Amino acid sequence: MSKRIVCIGRKINKDRLRHEIENIRRELKIIERHLDKDDDLQGLEIGLAMDEIIMALSRATDCYVIYSDGTKKQITLAEHFILSL
């Protein structure tokens, strides 16, 4: 019999999130500076800043799935998002 996912969860590590908020603020400032510029390099800078924000949120979040047999497996924030759709 195959295992089924019965629960998808996440737990925010508040202490870690407090630490990551400064990184997020810094990256948002980079995005704001480059929004009105129109060249490819600026688009790259915005993309990299967005990636860093996602990584900061990921570092502050513990995600997991629980299967029908009771086992629990840690997953990434991206996997959590996809499974939650």
C-alpha atoms as a PDB file:
ATOM      1  CA  MET A   1       0.000   0.000   0.000  1.00  0.00           C
ATOM      2  CA  SER A   2       1.374   3.401  -0.922  1.00  0.00           C
ATOM      3  CA  LYS A   3       1.816   6.254   1.504  1.00  0.00           C
ATOM      4  CA  ARG A   4      -0.400   9.288   1.076  1.00  0.00           C
ATOM      5  CA  ILE A   5       0.302  12.791   2.278  1.00  0.00           C
ATOM      6  CA  VAL A   6      -2.144  13.616   5.048  1.00  0.00           C
ATOM      7  CA  CYS A   7      -0.700  16.913   6.248  1.00  0.00           C
ATOM      8  CA  ILE A   8       1.468  19.687   4.813  1.00  0.00           C
ATOM      9  CA  GLY A   9       2.786  22.045   7.435  1.00  0.00           C
ATOM     10  CA  ARG A  10       5.226  24.778   8.191  1.00  0.00           C
ATOM     11  CA  LYS A  11       6.602  26.350  11.313  1.00  0.00           C
ATOM     12  CA  ILE A  12       8.002  29.846  11.296  1.00  0.00           C
ATOM     13  CA  ASN A  13      11.166  30.251  13.341  1.00  0.00           C
ATOM     14  CA  LYS A  14      10.446  33.711  14.757  1.00  0.00           C
ATOM     15  CA  ASP A  15      13.984  34.308  16.013  1.00  0.00           C
ATOM     16  CA  ARG A  16      15.429  33.389  12.626  1.00  0.00           C
ATOM     17  CA  LEU A  17      12.830  35.537  10.843  1.00  0.00           C
ATOM     18  CA  ARG A  18      13.758  38.535  12.993  1.00  0.00           C
ATOM     19  CA  HIS A  19      17.353  38.030  11.869  1.00  0.00           C
ATOM     20  CA  GLU A  20      16.360  37.639   8.197  1.00  0.00           C
ATOM     21  CA  ILE A  21      14.166  40.766   8.142  1.00  0.00           C
ATOM     22  CA  GLU A  22      17.270  42.955   7.825  1.00  0.00           C
ATOM     23  CA  ASN A  23      18.378  40.969   4.776  1.00  0.00           C
ATOM     24  CA  ILE A  24      14.905  41.326   3.283  1.00  0.00           C
ATOM     25  CA  ARG A  25      14.877  45.094   3.869  1.00  0.00           C
ATOM     26  CA  ARG A  26      18.280  45.432   2.205  1.00  0.00           C
ATOM     27  CA  GLU A  27      17.118  43.483  -0.844  1.00  0.00           C
ATOM     28  CA  LEU A  28      13.906  45.518  -1.096  1.00  0.00           C
ATOM     29  CA  LYS A  29      15.988  48.698  -1.210  1.00  0.00           C
ATOM     30  CA  ILE A  30      17.987  47.245  -4.107  1.00  0.00           C
ATOM     31  CA  ILE A  31      14.760  46.454  -5.951  1.00  0.00           C
ATOM     32  CA  GLU A  32      13.380  49.963  -5.342  1.00  0.00           C
ATOM     33  CA  ARG A  33      16.570  51.572  -6.683  1.00  0.00           C
ATOM     34  CA  HIS A  34      16.414  49.582  -9.914  1.00  0.00           C
ATOM     35  CA  LEU A  35      12.681  49.634 -10.679  1.00  0.00           C
ATOM     36  CA  ASP A  36      12.801  52.683 -12.958  1.00  0.00           C
ATOM     37  CA  LYS A  37      15.909  51.612 -14.861  1.00  0.00           C
ATOM     38  CA  ASP A  38      15.365  49.755 -18.094  1.00  0.00           C
ATOM     39  CA  ASP A  39      18.511  47.831 -18.988  1.00  0.00           C
ATOM     40  CA  ASP A  40      19.117  44.088 -18.655  1.00  0.00           C
ATOM     41  CA  LEU A  41      21.689  44.467 -15.872  1.00  0.00           C
ATOM     42  CA  GLN A  42      19.102  46.187 -13.690  1.00  0.00           C
ATOM     43  CA  GLY A  43      16.654  43.347 -14.371  1.00  0.00           C
ATOM     44  CA  LEU A  44      19.313  40.900 -13.255  1.00  0.00           C
ATOM     45  CA  GLU A  45      19.887  42.869 -10.043  1.00  0.00           C
ATOM     46  CA  ILE A  46      16.147  42.827  -9.287  1.00  0.00           C
ATOM     47  CA  GLY A  47      15.956  39.088  -9.964  1.00  0.00           C
ATOM     48  CA  LEU A  48      18.895  38.360  -7.686  1.00  0.00           C
ATOM     49  CA  ALA A  49      17.370  40.495  -4.926  1.00  0.00           C
ATOM     50  CA  MET A  50      14.052  38.653  -5.273  1.00  0.00           C
ATOM     51  CA  ASP A  51      15.884  35.316  -5.052  1.00  0.00           C
ATOM     52  CA  GLU A  52      17.604  36.446  -1.869  1.00  0.00           C
ATOM     53  CA  ILE A  53      14.267  37.437  -0.301  1.00  0.00           C
ATOM     54  CA  ILE A  54      12.857  33.991  -1.070  1.00  0.00           C
ATOM     55  CA  MET A  55      15.955  32.345   0.407  1.00  0.00           C
ATOM     56  CA  ALA A  56      15.683  34.494   3.556  1.00  0.00           C
ATOM     57  CA  LEU A  57      12.068  33.398   4.030  1.00  0.00           C
ATOM     58  CA  SER A  58      13.086  29.804   3.382  1.00  0.00           C
ATOM     59  CA  ARG A  59      15.794  29.947   6.035  1.00  0.00           C
ATOM     60  CA  ALA A  60      13.199  31.122   8.581  1.00  0.00           C
ATOM     61  CA  THR A  61      10.643  28.413   7.762  1.00  0.00           C
ATOM     62  CA  ASP A  62      10.661  24.711   8.611  1.00  0.00           C
ATOM     63  CA  CYS A  63       8.308  22.888   6.244  1.00  0.00           C
ATOM     64  CA  TYR A  64       7.237  19.270   6.407  1.00  0.00           C
ATOM     65  CA  VAL A  65       4.785  16.647   5.194  1.00  0.00           C
ATOM     66  CA  ILE A  66       3.204  13.899   7.261  1.00  0.00           C
ATOM     67  CA  TYR A  67       2.323  10.655   5.504  1.00  0.00           C
ATOM     68  CA  SER A  68      -0.522   8.244   6.188  1.00  0.00           C
ATOM     69  CA  ASP A  69       1.865   5.848   7.944  1.00  0.00           C
ATOM     70  CA  GLY A  70       2.798   8.588  10.436  1.00  0.00           C
ATOM     71  CA  THR A  71       6.244   9.374   9.049  1.00  0.00           C
ATOM     72  CA  LYS A  72       7.274  12.997   8.779  1.00  0.00           C
ATOM     73  CA  LYS A  73       9.645  14.407   6.157  1.00  0.00           C
ATOM     74  CA  GLN A  74      11.209  17.854   6.004  1.00  0.00           C
ATOM     75  CA  ILE A  75      10.687  19.654   2.685  1.00  0.00           C
ATOM     76  CA  THR A  76      11.748  22.969   1.197  1.00  0.00           C
ATOM     77  CA  LEU A  77       9.590  26.082   1.155  1.00  0.00           C
ATOM     78  CA  ALA A  78       9.287  25.694  -2.627  1.00  0.00           C
ATOM     79  CA  GLU A  79       8.031  22.115  -2.257  1.00  0.00           C
ATOM     80  CA  HIS A  80       5.571  23.296   0.396  1.00  0.00           C
ATOM     81  CA  PHE A  81       4.251  25.938  -1.978  1.00  0.00           C
ATOM     82  CA  ILE A  82       3.813  23.468  -4.837  1.00  0.00           C
ATOM     83  CA  LEU A  83       2.087  20.857  -2.666  1.00  0.00           C
ATOM     84  CA  SER A  84      -0.226  23.538  -1.256  1.00  0.00           C
ATOM     85  CA  LEU A  85      -1.556  24.527  -4.688  1.00  0.00           C
END
